[in-house]
Amino acid sequence: MKIITFIRRHFLFCLGMFMFLILLFFTFFGEYLPGIDRDLKEIEYIWTDKKIPLAPPYEPSDDFLLGTDRDGRDLLSLIVIGAKESLMIIIAITFIRYLIAIPLAFLAHKKSFGIHHIVSWMNGFLSYIPSIILVVLLVTLPPILISETRLLYLIIVLASLEVGRVAEMFRLEFAQISSKEFVTGGNSIGVSSFRLLKKYLLPFLYGKLLISLVGDVGKVTFLLGQIGFLGIFITQVFVQVDAGQFAFFNTSLAWPMLLLNSYNDIRSAIWIPFFPALAMTYVIFTFNILAQGIQKLAK
């Protein structure tokens, strides 16, 4: 009865956790499920009943539950196997964003090294520029475009875009908490800045930090989806395709990379962009619901 009562009182939290556990299961154990092609074999053609070779992509059927991509790879297998890489990138971007933003917020609160001016500029001026435009400008720079550590650069760029917003939000929280007596008492006895942050400020923000961090996972997922639609590779190789001609080829299995040819796929093979977009939508809903559930649970 206690479990049922808890579920009724905290339905959003329970629903979010249930969706999150399903996501974790398919991420780490999905590749071992029957029907998942771990080798991602490419099918050049299949024979029809009239003995005519048919090239991919193939629409959803009994043989291919979600259809195939244009290389003949099973789309369900691609989504399941690409889930781990997708989530790792999303989580890395989110955590790095907060690892940068929290120290900046504290320095801005203390008005050290002029950081408060930088945070104000990042939160103000950069907020008028759509994030996706900044991504395009930065990740297409030649040093990043041809770098072997392109993925690391991409993660840092995406993490840095919203640092100003997060830092300003927690700067305001630090300012509010600093008016409390226990913080002024710590300042009066000469507590170091690091100890003040660790022992006096952050413990009162763990709940808000968790809620904000979980909610930002959905925002990062949405931004990565836009990267896929624009055809920006996460990882790539530079290959010679003809005499004097070179081209970049995608090497990532992350979900956004399944949206690279959405403009053409929507008109001829709509299942190719639809199911990866559905998977990313599931991630966005999962973490948004979980964030709302944690917020209500904290109250």
Protein backbone atom coordinates (compact mmCIF):
# COMPACT_ATOMS: atom_id res chain seq x y z
CA MET A 1 0.00 0.00 0.00
CA LYS A 2 2.87 2.36 0.78
CA ILE A 3 4.29 1.79 -2.70
CA ILE A 4 0.93 2.54 -4.35
CA THR A 5 0.53 5.67 -2.23
CA PHE A 6 4.03 6.82 -3.16
CA ILE A 7 3.35 6.26 -6.87
CA ARG A 8 0.11 8.24 -6.66
CA ARG A 9 1.73 11.12 -4.81
CA HIS A 10 4.83 11.19 -7.01
CA PHE A 11 3.52 9.91 -10.32
CA LEU A 12 5.81 12.04 -12.51
CA PHE A 13 8.91 10.90 -10.62
CA CYS A 14 7.92 7.24 -10.87
CA LEU A 15 7.03 7.57 -14.55
CA GLY A 16 10.32 9.34 -15.28
CA MET A 17 12.32 6.69 -13.42
CA PHE A 18 10.47 3.90 -15.25
CA MET A 19 11.21 5.51 -18.63
CA PHE A 20 14.82 6.09 -17.56
CA LEU A 21 15.28 2.43 -16.58
CA ILE A 22 13.88 1.32 -19.94
CA LEU A 23 16.33 3.65 -21.66
CA LEU A 24 19.24 2.25 -19.63
CA PHE A 25 18.20 -1.33 -20.42
CA PHE A 26 18.17 -0.80 -24.19
CA THR A 27 21.37 1.25 -24.00
CA PHE A 28 23.50 -1.35 -22.22
CA PHE A 29 21.72 -4.63 -22.95
CA GLY A 30 19.75 -3.95 -26.13
CA GLU A 31 22.46 -5.24 -28.46
CA TYR A 32 22.10 -8.71 -26.93
CA LEU A 33 18.38 -8.93 -27.67
CA PRO A 34 17.23 -11.32 -30.42
CA GLY A 35 16.80 -9.68 -33.80
CA ILE A 36 19.53 -7.09 -33.22
CA ASP A 37 22.30 -7.23 -35.82
CA ARG A 38 25.44 -6.37 -33.85
CA ASP A 39 27.57 -6.45 -37.02
CA LEU A 40 25.28 -3.98 -38.83
CA LYS A 41 25.60 -5.85 -42.10
CA GLU A 42 24.91 -3.90 -45.26
CA ILE A 43 22.50 -5.44 -47.77
CA GLU A 44 23.23 -4.50 -51.37
CA TYR A 45 19.94 -5.84 -52.75
CA ILE A 46 17.20 -8.41 -52.19
CA TRP A 47 15.24 -10.41 -54.75
CA THR A 48 11.54 -9.70 -55.15
CA ASP A 49 8.91 -12.34 -55.91
CA LYS A 50 9.33 -11.46 -59.59
CA LYS A 51 13.08 -12.18 -59.38
CA ILE A 52 13.97 -8.49 -59.65
CA PRO A 53 16.84 -7.17 -57.49
CA LEU A 54 15.64 -4.42 -55.16
CA ALA A 55 18.15 -1.95 -53.69
CA PRO A 56 17.77 -0.41 -50.21
CA PRO A 57 16.31 1.33 -48.32
CA TYR A 58 13.62 -1.17 -47.38
CA GLU A 59 10.46 -0.11 -45.60
CA PRO A 60 9.36 -1.62 -42.25
CA SER A 61 8.39 -5.28 -42.61
CA ASP A 62 8.58 -8.62 -40.85
CA ASP A 63 12.25 -8.88 -41.84
CA PHE A 64 13.11 -5.31 -40.85
CA LEU A 65 10.87 -4.14 -38.03
CA LEU A 66 11.75 -0.45 -38.48
CA GLY A 67 13.03 -0.72 -42.03
CA THR A 68 16.61 -0.12 -43.19
CA ASP A 69 18.75 2.87 -44.04
CA ARG A 70 20.10 3.56 -47.53
CA ASP A 71 23.05 1.23 -46.92
CA GLY A 72 20.73 -1.66 -46.16
CA ARG A 73 21.50 -1.72 -42.42
CA ASP A 74 18.69 -2.66 -40.07
CA LEU A 75 17.39 0.59 -38.55
CA LEU A 76 16.33 -0.97 -35.24
CA SER A 77 19.86 -2.35 -34.77
CA LEU A 78 21.34 1.04 -35.63
CA ILE A 79 19.19 2.80 -33.03
CA VAL A 80 19.87 0.24 -30.30
CA ILE A 81 23.63 0.03 -30.91
CA GLY A 82 23.92 3.80 -31.35
CA ALA A 83 22.12 4.48 -28.06
CA LYS A 84 25.25 4.10 -25.94
CA GLU A 85 27.30 6.55 -28.01
CA SER A 86 24.39 8.99 -28.18
CA LEU A 87 23.80 9.04 -24.43
CA MET A 88 27.52 9.21 -23.61
CA ILE A 89 27.87 12.33 -25.76
CA ILE A 90 24.71 13.91 -24.30
CA ILE A 91 25.74 13.20 -20.69
CA ALA A 92 29.31 14.39 -21.30
CA ILE A 93 28.12 17.70 -22.75
CA THR A 94 25.73 18.27 -19.84
CA PHE A 95 28.26 17.46 -17.10
CA ILE A 96 31.05 19.53 -18.65
CA ARG A 97 28.64 22.47 -18.94
CA TYR A 98 27.96 22.38 -15.20
CA LEU A 99 31.60 21.70 -14.27
CA ILE A 100 32.46 24.96 -16.03
CA ALA A 101 29.39 26.94 -14.95
CA ILE A 102 29.48 26.31 -11.16
CA PRO A 103 33.02 27.70 -10.58
CA LEU A 104 32.23 30.61 -12.91
CA ALA A 105 29.04 31.32 -10.96
CA PHE A 106 30.96 31.38 -7.67
CA LEU A 107 33.70 33.64 -9.06
CA ALA A 108 31.04 35.93 -10.54
CA HIS A 109 29.32 36.02 -7.15
CA LYS A 110 32.62 36.99 -5.50
CA LYS A 111 33.32 39.42 -8.41
CA SER A 112 36.78 37.94 -8.80
CA PHE A 113 38.95 38.60 -11.88
CA GLY A 114 36.07 40.40 -13.59
CA ILE A 115 34.28 37.07 -14.12
CA HIS A 116 30.91 38.67 -13.34
CA HIS A 117 31.27 40.84 -16.45
CA ILE A 118 32.09 37.78 -18.57
CA VAL A 119 29.13 35.81 -17.20
CA SER A 120 26.82 38.76 -17.77
CA TRP A 121 28.05 39.08 -21.36
CA MET A 122 27.70 35.36 -22.04
CA ASN A 123 24.20 35.28 -20.60
CA GLY A 124 23.14 38.49 -22.30
CA PHE A 125 24.75 38.95 -25.69
CA LEU A 126 25.11 35.29 -26.62
CA SER A 127 21.47 34.60 -25.71
CA TYR A 128 20.42 36.64 -28.76
CA ILE A 129 22.27 34.31 -31.13
CA PRO A 130 20.64 30.90 -31.79
CA SER A 131 22.83 28.13 -30.41
CA ILE A 132 22.80 26.16 -33.63
CA ILE A 133 24.30 29.10 -35.55
CA LEU A 134 27.19 29.33 -33.09
CA VAL A 135 27.72 25.57 -33.42
CA VAL A 136 27.92 25.82 -37.21
CA LEU A 137 30.38 28.73 -36.99
CA LEU A 138 32.67 26.99 -34.53
CA VAL A 139 32.71 23.32 -35.56
CA THR A 140 33.34 24.16 -39.21
CA LEU A 141 36.55 26.02 -38.41
CA PRO A 142 39.45 24.25 -40.20
CA PRO A 143 41.38 23.29 -37.02
CA ILE A 144 38.27 21.56 -35.63
CA LEU A 145 37.04 20.29 -39.00
CA ILE A 146 40.14 18.17 -39.68
CA SER A 147 41.15 17.42 -36.09
CA GLU A 148 41.49 13.81 -34.94
CA THR A 149 39.96 14.90 -31.62
CA ARG A 150 36.94 16.51 -33.29
CA LEU A 151 34.52 14.78 -30.92
CA LEU A 152 36.21 16.36 -27.89
CA TYR A 153 36.09 19.81 -29.50
CA LEU A 154 32.43 19.32 -30.40
CA ILE A 155 31.55 18.34 -26.84
CA ILE A 156 33.38 21.37 -25.42
CA VAL A 157 31.71 23.74 -27.92
CA LEU A 158 28.23 22.41 -27.18
CA ALA A 159 28.86 22.45 -23.44
CA SER A 160 30.11 26.04 -23.52
CA LEU A 161 27.09 27.47 -25.35
CA GLU A 162 24.79 27.54 -22.31
CA VAL A 163 27.46 28.09 -19.66
CA GLY A 164 26.46 31.76 -19.29
CA ARG A 165 22.83 30.91 -18.61
CA VAL A 166 23.68 28.23 -16.03
CA ALA A 167 26.36 30.37 -14.36
CA GLU A 168 24.03 33.37 -14.04
CA MET A 169 21.29 31.17 -12.58
CA PHE A 170 23.56 29.82 -9.85
CA ARG A 171 25.18 33.21 -9.25
CA LEU A 172 21.76 34.45 -8.21
CA GLU A 173 21.32 31.41 -5.96
CA PHE A 174 24.71 32.04 -4.33
CA ALA A 175 23.78 35.67 -3.75
CA GLN A 176 20.55 34.65 -2.04
CA ILE A 177 22.20 32.07 0.21
CA SER A 178 25.07 34.41 1.11
CA SER A 179 22.67 36.60 3.06
CA LYS A 180 22.05 33.77 5.52
CA GLU A 181 23.62 34.00 8.96
CA PHE A 182 25.65 30.80 8.73
CA VAL A 183 27.37 32.09 5.56
CA THR A 184 28.13 35.53 7.02
CA GLY A 185 29.43 33.72 10.09
CA GLY A 186 31.76 31.65 7.92
CA ASN A 187 33.03 34.77 6.21
CA SER A 188 33.67 36.47 9.55
CA ILE A 189 35.94 33.65 10.78
CA GLY A 190 37.95 33.69 7.55
CA VAL A 191 36.74 30.53 5.83
CA SER A 192 38.56 29.98 2.52
CA SER A 193 36.65 30.49 -0.73
CA PHE A 194 36.89 26.79 -1.63
CA ARG A 195 35.56 25.69 1.76
CA LEU A 196 32.83 28.34 1.58
CA LEU A 197 31.67 26.94 -1.76
CA LYS A 198 31.96 23.29 -0.72
CA LYS A 199 30.57 23.42 2.83
CA TYR A 200 28.34 26.49 2.99
CA LEU A 201 26.83 27.08 -0.45
CA LEU A 202 26.66 23.92 -2.57
CA PRO A 203 24.97 21.67 0.04
CA PHE A 204 21.92 23.93 -0.12
CA LEU A 205 21.83 23.78 -3.92
CA TYR A 206 22.21 20.05 -4.57
CA GLY A 207 18.47 19.67 -5.19
CA LYS A 208 18.24 22.57 -7.65
CA LEU A 209 21.50 21.48 -9.25
CA LEU A 210 20.17 17.98 -9.87
CA ILE A 211 16.86 19.26 -11.27
CA SER A 212 18.59 21.72 -13.58
CA LEU A 213 21.17 19.18 -14.73
CA VAL A 214 18.57 16.50 -15.51
CA GLY A 215 16.41 19.02 -17.36
CA ASP A 216 19.37 20.18 -19.46
CA VAL A 217 19.88 16.66 -20.82
CA GLY A 218 16.73 17.14 -22.89
CA LYS A 219 17.96 20.50 -24.21
CA VAL A 220 21.29 18.99 -25.26
CA THR A 221 19.48 16.14 -27.03
CA PHE A 222 17.38 18.64 -28.97
CA LEU A 223 20.49 20.59 -30.00
CA LEU A 224 22.23 17.42 -31.19
CA GLY A 225 19.18 16.62 -33.29
CA GLN A 226 19.53 19.97 -35.05
CA ILE A 227 23.17 19.16 -35.80
CA GLY A 228 22.06 15.99 -37.55
CA PHE A 229 19.48 17.81 -39.66
CA LEU A 230 22.15 20.28 -40.81
CA GLY A 231 24.48 17.46 -41.82
CA ILE A 232 27.27 18.25 -39.35
CA PHE A 233 29.29 15.12 -38.59
CA ILE A 234 30.16 14.26 -34.99
CA THR A 235 33.17 12.16 -36.00
CA GLN A 236 34.46 11.85 -39.54
CA VAL A 237 37.30 10.74 -41.81
CA PHE A 238 38.83 12.62 -44.72
CA VAL A 239 39.00 10.25 -47.69
CA GLN A 240 40.22 10.58 -51.27
CA VAL A 241 37.31 9.65 -53.53
CA ASP A 242 38.94 10.41 -56.88
CA ALA A 243 42.07 11.92 -58.36
CA GLY A 244 42.47 15.23 -56.57
CA GLN A 245 39.07 14.94 -54.90
CA PHE A 246 38.50 14.42 -51.18
CA ALA A 247 35.41 14.16 -49.02
CA PHE A 248 34.39 13.76 -45.39
CA PHE A 249 32.58 10.57 -44.36
CA ASN A 250 30.66 10.05 -41.15
CA THR A 251 32.02 7.44 -38.73
CA SER A 252 29.56 7.90 -35.86
CA LEU A 253 26.56 5.72 -35.01
CA ALA A 254 24.97 8.39 -32.79
CA TRP A 255 21.27 8.99 -33.44
CA PRO A 256 21.66 12.51 -34.91
CA MET A 257 23.80 11.03 -37.70
CA LEU A 258 20.78 9.03 -38.87
CA LEU A 259 19.15 12.36 -39.71
CA LEU A 260 21.88 13.52 -42.10
CA ASN A 261 19.80 13.00 -45.25
CA SER A 262 16.44 13.93 -43.75
CA TYR A 263 15.65 16.39 -46.52
CA ASN A 264 15.62 13.57 -49.08
CA ASP A 265 14.49 10.77 -46.77
CA ILE A 266 11.28 12.56 -45.76
CA ARG A 267 10.18 12.45 -49.40
CA SER A 268 11.16 8.86 -50.17
CA ALA A 269 11.96 6.85 -47.02
CA ILE A 270 10.33 8.69 -44.12
CA TRP A 271 10.98 5.86 -41.65
CA ILE A 272 14.76 6.62 -41.71
CA PRO A 273 14.54 10.03 -39.98
CA PHE A 274 11.28 9.25 -38.13
CA PHE A 275 12.46 6.48 -35.80
CA PRO A 276 15.78 8.11 -34.73
CA ALA A 277 13.85 11.35 -34.12
CA LEU A 278 11.34 9.33 -32.08
CA ALA A 279 14.19 7.87 -30.00
CA MET A 280 15.57 11.35 -29.27
CA THR A 281 12.06 12.57 -28.43
CA TYR A 282 11.78 9.72 -25.93
CA VAL A 283 15.04 10.85 -24.29
CA ILE A 284 13.82 14.46 -24.12
CA PHE A 285 10.48 13.44 -22.56
CA THR A 286 12.18 11.04 -20.14
CA PHE A 287 14.53 13.61 -18.64
CA ASN A 288 11.97 16.44 -18.66
CA ILE A 289 9.44 14.28 -16.83
CA LEU A 290 12.14 13.07 -14.44
CA ALA A 291 13.24 16.65 -13.71
CA GLN A 292 9.65 17.70 -12.96
CA GLY A 293 9.22 14.60 -10.79
CA ILE A 294 12.37 15.34 -8.79
CA GLN A 295 11.26 18.95 -8.34
CA LYS A 296 7.88 17.92 -6.94
CA LEU A 297 9.50 15.19 -4.84
CA ALA A 298 11.85 17.76 -3.30
CA LYS A 299 8.91 19.91 -2.25
